[in-house]
Amino acid sequence: MPRPNEKHRIVDHYDIVSPYYRSLWGEHIHHGFWIRGDESKEKAQLQLIEHLAQLANVKPGSDILDIGCDRRKQSLPRQTL
């Protein structure tokens, strides 16, 4: 049995919560990876991205397909590529 297309509910959800997420986390929606424990949330977000890129063995010059939540921000900052 086909499921109804409820894409509008997902769009509505992100339209409502995105301003809250942005005010809480800034440009990146990632939570963060605190190595020392005293980093800013922005530094912890970048550390998480860099850590995940390292785990995925992303090399400089690699092509990355960014399938994200459409926050208009790339997942990997250019300096980590």
C-alpha atoms as a PDB file:
ATOM      1  CA  MET A   1       0.000   0.000   0.000  1.00  0.00           C
ATOM      2  CA  PRO A   2       1.508   3.367  -0.996  1.00  0.00           C
ATOM      3  CA  ARG A   3       2.281   5.817   1.770  1.00  0.00           C
ATOM      4  CA  PRO A   4       0.996   9.379   1.540  1.00  0.00           C
ATOM      5  CA  ASN A   5       3.533  12.022   0.573  1.00  0.00           C
ATOM      6  CA  GLU A   6       3.978  14.116   3.683  1.00  0.00           C
ATOM      7  CA  LYS A   7       6.909  16.187   2.466  1.00  0.00           C
ATOM      8  CA  HIS A   8       5.029  19.341   3.440  1.00  0.00           C
ATOM      9  CA  ARG A   9       5.123  18.240   7.100  1.00  0.00           C
ATOM     10  CA  ILE A  10       8.914  17.966   6.977  1.00  0.00           C
ATOM     11  CA  VAL A  11       9.210  21.363   5.269  1.00  0.00           C
ATOM     12  CA  ASP A  12       6.856  22.892   7.846  1.00  0.00           C
ATOM     13  CA  HIS A  13       8.891  21.389  10.686  1.00  0.00           C
ATOM     14  CA  TYR A  14      12.179  22.873   9.472  1.00  0.00           C
ATOM     15  CA  ASP A  15      10.547  26.210   8.714  1.00  0.00           C
ATOM     16  CA  ILE A  16       9.496  26.344  12.360  1.00  0.00           C
ATOM     17  CA  VAL A  17      12.627  24.993  14.077  1.00  0.00           C
ATOM     18  CA  SER A  18      15.403  26.343  11.831  1.00  0.00           C
ATOM     19  CA  PRO A  19      15.473  29.826  13.406  1.00  0.00           C
ATOM     20  CA  TYR A  20      15.732  28.183  16.834  1.00  0.00           C
ATOM     21  CA  TYR A  21      18.525  25.852  15.716  1.00  0.00           C
ATOM     22  CA  ARG A  22      20.401  28.757  14.125  1.00  0.00           C
ATOM     23  CA  SER A  23      20.112  30.865  17.297  1.00  0.00           C
ATOM     24  CA  LEU A  24      21.336  27.918  19.369  1.00  0.00           C
ATOM     25  CA  TRP A  25      24.070  26.458  17.156  1.00  0.00           C
ATOM     26  CA  GLY A  26      24.902  29.109  14.554  1.00  0.00           C
ATOM     27  CA  GLU A  27      25.661  28.243  10.944  1.00  0.00           C
ATOM     28  CA  HIS A  28      26.377  24.547  11.524  1.00  0.00           C
ATOM     29  CA  ILE A  29      23.658  22.336  12.904  1.00  0.00           C
ATOM     30  CA  HIS A  30      26.205  19.821  14.208  1.00  0.00           C
ATOM     31  CA  HIS A  31      26.367  19.556  17.967  1.00  0.00           C
ATOM     32  CA  GLY A  32      30.133  19.408  18.438  1.00  0.00           C
ATOM     33  CA  PHE A  33      33.124  17.434  19.611  1.00  0.00           C
ATOM     34  CA  TRP A  34      34.756  18.837  22.726  1.00  0.00           C
ATOM     35  CA  ILE A  35      38.326  17.572  23.033  1.00  0.00           C
ATOM     36  CA  ARG A  36      39.521  19.646  26.003  1.00  0.00           C
ATOM     37  CA  GLY A  37      36.089  20.588  27.300  1.00  0.00           C
ATOM     38  CA  ASP A  38      36.556  24.352  27.289  1.00  0.00           C
ATOM     39  CA  GLU A  39      36.145  25.000  23.549  1.00  0.00           C
ATOM     40  CA  SER A  40      33.469  27.316  22.229  1.00  0.00           C
ATOM     41  CA  LYS A  41      30.531  25.631  20.512  1.00  0.00           C
ATOM     42  CA  GLU A  42      31.826  26.981  17.184  1.00  0.00           C
ATOM     43  CA  LYS A  43      35.254  25.387  17.747  1.00  0.00           C
ATOM     44  CA  ALA A  44      33.626  22.121  18.874  1.00  0.00           C
ATOM     45  CA  GLN A  45      31.471  22.079  15.728  1.00  0.00           C
ATOM     46  CA  LEU A  46      34.530  22.426  13.511  1.00  0.00           C
ATOM     47  CA  GLN A  47      36.360  19.770  15.526  1.00  0.00           C
ATOM     48  CA  LEU A  48      33.439  17.374  14.976  1.00  0.00           C
ATOM     49  CA  ILE A  49      33.451  18.010  11.226  1.00  0.00           C
ATOM     50  CA  GLU A  50      37.218  17.558  11.056  1.00  0.00           C
ATOM     51  CA  HIS A  51      37.094  14.402  13.183  1.00  0.00           C
ATOM     52  CA  LEU A  52      34.362  12.831  11.031  1.00  0.00           C
ATOM     53  CA  ALA A  53      36.240  13.757   7.845  1.00  0.00           C
ATOM     54  CA  GLN A  54      39.347  12.090   9.254  1.00  0.00           C
ATOM     55  CA  LEU A  55      37.383   8.951  10.212  1.00  0.00           C
ATOM     56  CA  ALA A  56      35.930   8.837   6.697  1.00  0.00           C
ATOM     57  CA  ASN A  57      39.456   9.190   5.281  1.00  0.00           C
ATOM     58  CA  VAL A  58      38.580  12.340   3.330  1.00  0.00           C
ATOM     59  CA  LYS A  59      41.688  13.557   1.537  1.00  0.00           C
ATOM     60  CA  PRO A  60      42.493  17.059   0.239  1.00  0.00           C
ATOM     61  CA  GLY A  61      40.952  17.532  -3.194  1.00  0.00           C
ATOM     62  CA  SER A  62      38.332  14.836  -2.631  1.00  0.00           C
ATOM     63  CA  ASP A  63      34.897  15.258  -4.132  1.00  0.00           C
ATOM     64  CA  ILE A  64      32.272  15.192  -1.395  1.00  0.00           C
ATOM     65  CA  LEU A  65      28.561  14.711  -1.942  1.00  0.00           C
ATOM     66  CA  ASP A  66      26.947  16.782   0.777  1.00  0.00           C
ATOM     67  CA  ILE A  67      23.522  15.394   1.613  1.00  0.00           C
ATOM     68  CA  GLY A  68      22.478  17.549   4.485  1.00  0.00           C
ATOM     69  CA  CYS A  69      19.509  19.316   5.905  1.00  0.00           C
ATOM     70  CA  ASP A  70      19.621  22.173   3.401  1.00  0.00           C
ATOM     71  CA  ARG A  71      20.916  24.811   5.764  1.00  0.00           C
ATOM     72  CA  ARG A  72      22.694  26.456   2.811  1.00  0.00           C
ATOM     73  CA  LYS A  73      26.034  25.709   4.461  1.00  0.00           C
ATOM     74  CA  GLN A  74      28.487  23.087   3.332  1.00  0.00           C
ATOM     75  CA  SER A  75      29.190  20.269   5.773  1.00  0.00           C
ATOM     76  CA  LEU A  76      32.950  20.423   5.390  1.00  0.00           C
ATOM     77  CA  PRO A  77      34.598  23.818   5.579  1.00  0.00           C
ATOM     78  CA  ARG A  78      36.839  24.422   2.575  1.00  0.00           C
ATOM     79  CA  GLN A  79      39.938  24.583   4.726  1.00  0.00           C
ATOM     80  CA  THR A  80      39.427  20.951   5.819  1.00  0.00           C
ATOM     81  CA  LEU A  81      39.265  19.778   2.208  1.00  0.00           C
END
